[in-house]
């Protein structure tokens, strides 16, 4: 039985072209700023996102942490959505290491933040009883909201409120190129109103390692110090940057295939008894659906799928997440649906 791995697009492996580029990469000591491959990647990433400078980090989590460290002082407050990856999946780094308190506002079904909710949550500066709100964080696409996409207008409305209050805006753009392909707009258009943005090379872009943080030259200069402090100076990491350059040139447009497979998957799941989701809401490569209690818990459903050779993740006690990527074909989607249908048909007799 072939295993169909839908846990995440982080399971993607580098292409043959990436492997050749890594083998042939020109390298130097990046802590001295002397790795030519890294320098090219940082410049290319910043150019594509319409920012002044970029900084290669080990992971999206490191990029998000470094952004928080650069923008915030100890005792400041960061406002973000209640489904944010930075809140759920990054080990409280902003609080533990940046010393900033996190305040949550509701996320919409597509991962957005209501500007009125944000305005009500922002704390005024100069009140000794309150932490000042110095940073607002957005996410595009949104991991826990079925890969929901924010439009340039969605982002601008939030950024305008934040900036009016003197706060900066960081965008966790781990899958920002998925959003750009979904909306058919340049990635730079999606991030023009934020102060900085991070994106992952190691997810749907299929690189083995890495994230790039982009912003103003001044911001990146500050971020460079914090990257060093958290152990992110990786010396001859041009072997990784070489894969990133291939990805930015060749792996963005093909994301449309992943999105088409996700929609195909979602519509198939919606027709299986005991599973519920709004298939028409799927915009990128993440599909989250709920499991009826008659089929047991999400953990039980996940275990049953695993025995059938379908690997998935579970973001909640009743929910399952599936992520399409370049290793998932149309045929894999159809086979996965057949196996899910089999599991769903068998479980009611055991629960």
Protein backbone atom coordinates (compact mmCIF):
# COMPACT_ATOMS: atom_id res chain seq x y z
CA UNK A 1 0.00 0.00 0.00
CA UNK A 2 1.44 3.36 -0.98
CA UNK A 3 1.34 5.96 1.79
CA UNK A 4 -0.42 9.23 0.94
CA UNK A 5 1.06 11.87 3.21
CA UNK A 6 -1.32 14.81 3.67
CA UNK A 7 -0.03 15.92 7.07
CA UNK A 8 1.66 19.05 5.75
CA UNK A 9 3.51 20.56 2.82
CA UNK A 10 6.56 20.49 5.11
CA UNK A 11 7.05 16.87 4.03
CA UNK A 12 8.03 17.98 0.52
CA UNK A 13 11.52 17.05 -0.64
CA UNK A 14 13.86 19.12 -2.82
CA UNK A 15 13.66 18.78 -6.59
CA UNK A 16 16.51 17.37 -8.65
CA UNK A 17 17.27 20.92 -9.81
CA UNK A 18 17.51 22.07 -6.20
CA UNK A 19 19.86 19.21 -5.35
CA UNK A 20 22.15 20.13 -8.25
CA UNK A 21 22.09 23.79 -7.25
CA UNK A 22 22.93 22.87 -3.66
CA UNK A 23 25.85 20.71 -4.81
CA UNK A 24 27.23 23.51 -6.97
CA UNK A 25 26.44 26.40 -4.60
CA UNK A 26 29.00 29.12 -4.10
CA UNK A 27 29.34 29.65 -0.35
CA UNK A 28 31.05 31.85 2.21
CA UNK A 29 30.71 32.83 5.87
CA UNK A 30 27.25 34.34 6.20
CA UNK A 31 27.87 35.71 9.70
CA UNK A 32 30.43 37.94 8.00
CA UNK A 33 27.91 38.64 5.23
CA UNK A 34 30.14 36.82 2.75
CA UNK A 35 27.95 34.00 1.44
CA UNK A 36 27.11 35.02 -2.14
CA UNK A 37 24.25 32.52 -2.50
CA UNK A 38 22.57 33.77 0.67
CA UNK A 39 23.07 37.36 -0.36
CA UNK A 40 21.42 36.66 -3.72
CA UNK A 41 18.50 34.88 -2.07
CA UNK A 42 17.92 37.71 0.40
CA UNK A 43 18.02 40.30 -2.37
CA UNK A 44 15.72 38.25 -4.62
CA UNK A 45 13.21 37.63 -1.82
CA UNK A 46 13.12 41.30 -0.86
CA UNK A 47 12.65 42.31 -4.50
CA UNK A 48 9.75 39.90 -4.98
CA UNK A 49 8.04 41.21 -1.84
CA UNK A 50 8.70 44.86 -2.50
CA UNK A 51 10.83 45.32 0.63
CA UNK A 52 14.29 46.83 1.03
CA UNK A 53 16.14 43.86 2.50
CA UNK A 54 15.85 40.21 3.48
CA UNK A 55 17.32 37.85 6.06
CA UNK A 56 17.59 34.07 5.79
CA UNK A 57 16.57 32.20 8.95
CA UNK A 58 16.38 28.53 9.85
CA UNK A 59 12.58 28.38 10.02
CA UNK A 60 9.34 30.29 9.92
CA UNK A 61 9.19 30.09 13.71
CA UNK A 62 12.60 31.74 13.92
CA UNK A 63 11.55 34.48 11.48
CA UNK A 64 8.42 35.22 13.50
CA UNK A 65 10.37 35.23 16.77
CA UNK A 66 13.08 37.50 15.38
CA UNK A 67 10.41 39.91 14.13
CA UNK A 68 8.84 40.06 17.60
CA UNK A 69 12.24 40.56 19.24
CA UNK A 70 13.07 43.37 16.81
CA UNK A 71 9.80 45.26 17.20
CA UNK A 72 9.07 44.78 20.92
CA UNK A 73 10.49 45.69 24.29
CA UNK A 74 9.91 43.56 27.38
CA UNK A 75 6.49 44.35 28.78
CA UNK A 76 4.99 45.33 25.43
CA UNK A 77 1.86 43.71 24.03
CA UNK A 78 1.37 41.90 20.70
CA UNK A 79 -2.13 41.55 19.25
CA UNK A 80 -2.89 38.61 16.95
CA UNK A 81 -5.77 36.39 15.90
CA UNK A 82 -6.94 33.66 18.23
CA UNK A 83 -6.04 30.99 15.63
CA UNK A 84 -2.59 32.38 14.85
CA UNK A 85 0.26 29.95 14.26
CA UNK A 86 2.44 32.21 16.42
CA UNK A 87 0.07 31.57 19.33
CA UNK A 88 -0.70 27.88 18.81
CA UNK A 89 2.47 26.36 17.39
CA UNK A 90 5.56 28.37 18.30
CA UNK A 91 6.13 27.41 21.94
CA UNK A 92 5.20 30.88 23.28
CA UNK A 93 8.48 32.27 21.95
CA UNK A 94 7.22 35.86 21.75
CA UNK A 95 6.30 35.76 25.43
CA UNK A 96 9.16 33.65 26.75
CA UNK A 97 12.00 35.25 24.80
CA UNK A 98 10.75 38.66 23.67
CA UNK A 99 9.01 39.25 27.02
CA UNK A 100 5.90 40.49 25.25
CA UNK A 101 2.36 39.71 26.33
CA UNK A 102 0.09 38.26 23.63
CA UNK A 103 -3.50 39.48 23.34
CA UNK A 104 -5.92 37.60 21.12
CA UNK A 105 -8.77 38.87 18.97
CA UNK A 106 -11.13 36.63 16.97
CA UNK A 107 -10.11 35.29 13.60
CA UNK A 108 -12.74 35.06 10.88
CA UNK A 109 -13.35 31.75 9.13
CA UNK A 110 -10.82 32.80 6.49
CA UNK A 111 -8.23 33.98 9.02
CA UNK A 112 -8.84 37.71 8.92
CA UNK A 113 -9.10 40.17 11.81
CA UNK A 114 -11.95 42.66 12.13
CA UNK A 115 -10.44 46.18 12.27
CA UNK A 116 -13.02 47.16 14.92
CA UNK A 117 -11.94 44.25 17.13
CA UNK A 118 -8.33 45.31 16.68
CA UNK A 119 -9.09 48.94 17.47
CA UNK A 120 -10.84 47.92 20.69
CA UNK A 121 -7.91 45.68 21.70
CA UNK A 122 -5.07 48.16 21.15
CA UNK A 123 -3.77 49.66 24.40
CA UNK A 124 -2.87 53.34 24.64
CA UNK A 125 0.71 54.32 25.26
CA UNK A 126 1.70 56.13 28.42
CA UNK A 127 -0.68 54.37 30.83
CA UNK A 128 1.47 52.79 33.55
CA UNK A 129 -1.22 50.19 34.21
CA UNK A 130 -1.17 48.77 30.69
CA UNK A 131 1.35 47.24 28.30
CA UNK A 132 1.62 49.33 25.13
CA UNK A 133 0.54 47.60 21.93
CA UNK A 134 3.65 47.75 19.76
CA UNK A 135 2.98 44.95 17.29
CA UNK A 136 0.03 43.47 15.39
CA UNK A 137 0.49 40.10 13.67
CA UNK A 138 -1.40 38.79 10.67
CA UNK A 139 -1.17 35.44 8.86
CA UNK A 140 -1.59 34.80 5.10
CA UNK A 141 -2.50 32.14 4.15
CA UNK A 142 -3.98 31.06 7.47
CA UNK A 143 -2.88 27.65 8.67
CA UNK A 144 -5.72 26.91 11.12
CA UNK A 145 -8.42 28.50 8.96
CA UNK A 146 -8.26 26.05 6.03
CA UNK A 147 -5.60 28.06 4.23
CA UNK A 148 -7.79 31.15 4.08
CA UNK A 149 -6.39 34.04 2.03
CA UNK A 150 -6.24 37.73 2.93
CA UNK A 151 -6.66 40.20 0.08
CA UNK A 152 -4.58 43.39 -0.12
CA UNK A 153 -7.66 45.26 1.11
CA UNK A 154 -8.06 42.94 4.13
CA UNK A 155 -4.47 43.58 5.12
CA UNK A 156 -4.64 47.34 4.55
CA UNK A 157 -7.69 47.76 6.79
CA UNK A 158 -5.88 46.11 9.69
CA UNK A 159 -2.56 47.83 8.99
CA UNK A 160 -4.22 51.26 8.90
CA UNK A 161 -5.67 50.73 12.39
CA UNK A 162 -2.37 49.46 13.76
CA UNK A 163 -0.28 52.23 12.25
CA UNK A 164 -2.68 54.92 13.42
CA UNK A 165 -2.06 53.66 16.95
CA UNK A 166 1.72 53.64 16.49
CA UNK A 167 2.02 49.86 16.25
CA UNK A 168 3.97 47.92 13.64
CA UNK A 169 2.51 45.07 11.57
CA UNK A 170 4.27 41.73 11.09
CA UNK A 171 2.88 39.30 8.55
CA UNK A 172 3.45 35.59 9.07
CA UNK A 173 3.43 34.86 5.37
CA UNK A 174 4.63 31.26 5.64
CA UNK A 175 2.57 30.49 2.53
CA UNK A 176 2.33 34.00 1.06
CA UNK A 177 3.03 32.70 -2.46
CA UNK A 178 0.04 30.38 -2.14
CA UNK A 179 -2.03 33.47 -1.42
CA UNK A 180 -0.54 35.32 -4.38
CA UNK A 181 -1.28 32.44 -6.76
CA UNK A 182 -4.79 32.01 -5.34
CA UNK A 183 -5.64 35.69 -5.84
CA UNK A 184 -3.58 36.05 -9.03
CA UNK A 185 -1.76 39.11 -7.72
CA UNK A 186 1.96 39.70 -7.07
CA UNK A 187 3.09 38.78 -3.57
CA UNK A 188 4.39 42.34 -3.20
CA UNK A 189 0.81 43.61 -3.51
CA UNK A 190 -0.24 41.44 -0.57
CA UNK A 191 2.46 42.78 1.76
CA UNK A 192 2.77 46.43 0.73
CA UNK A 193 0.99 47.70 3.84
CA UNK A 194 2.84 45.62 6.45
CA UNK A 195 6.15 46.57 8.03
CA UNK A 196 7.73 43.18 7.56
CA UNK A 197 6.90 39.71 6.30
CA UNK A 198 8.29 36.22 6.72
CA UNK A 199 7.78 33.35 4.29
CA UNK A 200 8.81 29.69 4.31
CA UNK A 201 10.95 28.03 1.69
CA UNK A 202 10.46 24.60 3.29
CA UNK A 203 6.69 24.22 2.85
CA UNK A 204 4.92 24.31 -0.51
CA UNK A 205 8.03 25.68 -2.24
CA UNK A 206 9.67 22.30 -1.53
CA UNK A 207 13.04 23.41 -0.15
CA UNK A 208 14.70 21.34 2.58
CA UNK A 209 15.18 24.17 5.10
CA UNK A 210 14.62 27.85 5.58
CA UNK A 211 12.55 31.00 5.82
CA UNK A 212 13.22 34.57 4.74
CA UNK A 213 12.28 37.66 6.74
CA UNK A 214 11.88 40.84 4.69
CA UNK A 215 11.45 44.48 5.66
CA UNK A 216 13.21 47.83 5.70
CA UNK A 217 17.00 47.99 5.84
CA UNK A 218 16.78 49.37 9.37
CA UNK A 219 14.49 46.56 10.48
CA UNK A 220 16.71 43.86 8.96
CA UNK A 221 19.78 45.37 10.62
CA UNK A 222 18.05 45.00 13.96
CA UNK A 223 16.79 41.53 13.09
CA UNK A 224 20.32 40.42 12.21
CA UNK A 225 21.41 40.94 15.83
CA UNK A 226 18.47 38.96 17.18
CA UNK A 227 19.03 36.16 14.66
CA UNK A 228 22.57 35.87 15.97
CA UNK A 229 21.34 35.84 19.56
CA UNK A 230 18.91 32.95 18.97
CA UNK A 231 21.57 30.90 17.20
CA UNK A 232 20.56 31.59 13.62
CA UNK A 233 23.96 32.48 12.19
CA UNK A 234 24.46 29.45 9.95
CA UNK A 235 27.84 30.19 8.31
CA UNK A 236 28.12 28.43 4.89
CA UNK A 237 24.37 28.03 4.47
CA UNK A 238 24.54 28.97 0.81
CA UNK A 239 23.82 25.31 0.10
CA UNK A 240 20.34 25.99 1.49
CA UNK A 241 19.97 29.36 -0.20
CA UNK A 242 20.70 27.76 -3.56
CA UNK A 243 17.57 25.64 -3.23
CA UNK A 244 15.62 28.77 -2.25
CA UNK A 245 16.69 30.57 -5.41
CA UNK A 246 15.48 27.66 -7.54
CA UNK A 247 12.20 27.68 -5.63
CA UNK A 248 11.54 31.38 -6.18
CA UNK A 249 12.25 30.99 -9.89
CA UNK A 250 10.45 27.73 -10.60
CA UNK A 251 8.13 26.59 -7.80
CA UNK A 252 5.65 29.44 -7.33
CA UNK A 253 3.35 29.10 -10.35
CA UNK A 254 2.92 25.35 -9.86
CA UNK A 255 1.18 26.03 -6.52
CA UNK A 256 -2.01 26.36 -8.57
CA UNK A 257 -1.88 22.57 -9.04
CA UNK A 258 -1.89 22.07 -5.26
CA UNK A 259 -4.87 24.39 -4.94
CA UNK A 260 -6.80 22.50 -7.60
CA UNK A 261 -6.08 19.23 -5.81
CA UNK A 262 -7.20 20.73 -2.51
CA UNK A 263 -10.52 21.77 -4.03
CA UNK A 264 -10.91 18.32 -5.56
CA UNK A 265 -10.17 16.79 -2.16
CA UNK A 266 -12.56 19.13 -0.33
CA UNK A 267 -15.50 18.44 -2.64
CA UNK A 268 -14.91 14.71 -2.31
CA UNK A 269 -14.77 14.88 1.48
CA UNK A 270 -17.98 16.94 1.59
CA UNK A 271 -19.79 13.98 -0.02
CA UNK A 272 -18.72 11.48 2.64
CA UNK A 273 -21.26 10.87 5.41
CA UNK A 274 -20.06 12.01 8.80
CA UNK A 275 -17.62 14.62 7.50
CA UNK A 276 -18.49 18.30 7.27
CA UNK A 277 -16.83 21.26 5.61
CA UNK A 278 -17.60 24.12 3.24
CA UNK A 279 -15.79 22.86 0.16
CA UNK A 280 -16.40 26.09 -1.77
CA UNK A 281 -14.44 28.07 0.84
CA UNK A 282 -11.12 26.34 0.09
CA UNK A 283 -8.75 28.89 -1.47
CA UNK A 284 -5.30 27.34 -1.28
CA UNK A 285 -3.77 23.98 -0.31
CA UNK A 286 -5.17 23.35 3.19
CA UNK A 287 -8.41 21.48 3.86
CA UNK A 288 -9.82 21.26 7.39
CA UNK A 289 -12.99 19.31 8.11
CA UNK A 290 -14.97 18.16 11.13
CA UNK A 291 -15.67 14.57 12.07
CA UNK A 292 -19.11 13.68 13.41
CA UNK A 293 -19.11 12.14 16.88
CA UNK A 294 -20.69 8.98 15.40
CA UNK A 295 -17.26 8.33 13.82
CA UNK A 296 -15.42 8.84 17.10
CA UNK A 297 -12.88 11.50 17.90
CA UNK A 298 -10.51 13.08 15.42
CA UNK A 299 -7.68 11.13 17.06
CA UNK A 300 -9.51 7.83 16.45
CA UNK A 301 -10.31 8.80 12.88
CA UNK A 302 -6.68 9.78 12.31
CA UNK A 303 -5.47 6.42 13.64
CA UNK A 304 -7.86 4.56 11.36
CA UNK A 305 -6.70 6.58 8.35
CA UNK A 306 -3.09 5.89 9.26
CA UNK A 307 -3.76 2.15 9.13
CA UNK A 308 -5.16 2.70 5.63
CA UNK A 309 -2.00 4.52 4.54
CA UNK A 310 -3.35 8.07 4.70
CA UNK A 311 -1.40 10.38 6.98
CA UNK A 312 -3.21 13.48 8.27
CA UNK A 313 -2.97 15.89 11.20
CA UNK A 314 -5.57 17.04 13.71
CA UNK A 315 -5.77 20.67 14.83
CA UNK A 316 -8.62 19.99 17.27
CA UNK A 317 -10.60 17.22 19.01
CA UNK A 318 -13.15 17.05 16.18
CA UNK A 319 -11.16 18.34 13.22
CA UNK A 320 -8.79 16.88 10.64
CA UNK A 321 -6.36 18.79 8.43
CA UNK A 322 -5.14 17.68 5.01
CA UNK A 323 -2.55 19.59 2.99
CA UNK A 324 -1.84 19.09 -0.70
CA UNK A 325 1.65 19.58 -2.10
CA UNK A 326 3.83 18.70 -5.07
CA UNK A 327 4.08 15.02 -4.10
CA UNK A 328 0.27 14.63 -4.18
CA UNK A 329 -1.20 13.88 -7.61
CA UNK A 330 -4.79 13.80 -8.87
CA UNK A 331 -4.66 10.05 -8.52
CA UNK A 332 -3.45 10.34 -4.93
CA UNK A 333 -6.41 12.59 -4.12
CA UNK A 334 -8.87 10.09 -5.56
CA UNK A 335 -7.22 7.19 -3.75
CA UNK A 336 -7.17 9.14 -0.47
CA UNK A 337 -10.89 9.86 -0.85
CA UNK A 338 -11.59 6.17 -1.43
CA UNK A 339 -9.69 5.24 1.73
CA UNK A 340 -11.35 7.99 3.79
CA UNK A 341 -14.76 6.81 2.58
CA UNK A 342 -13.88 3.25 3.60
CA UNK A 343 -12.85 4.37 7.09
CA UNK A 344 -15.94 6.54 7.52
CA UNK A 345 -18.13 3.61 6.48
CA UNK A 346 -16.53 1.24 8.96
CA UNK A 347 -16.23 3.41 12.06
CA UNK A 348 -19.94 3.79 12.98
CA UNK A 349 -20.07 0.05 13.65
CA UNK A 350 -17.27 0.34 16.21
CA UNK A 351 -18.44 3.47 18.07
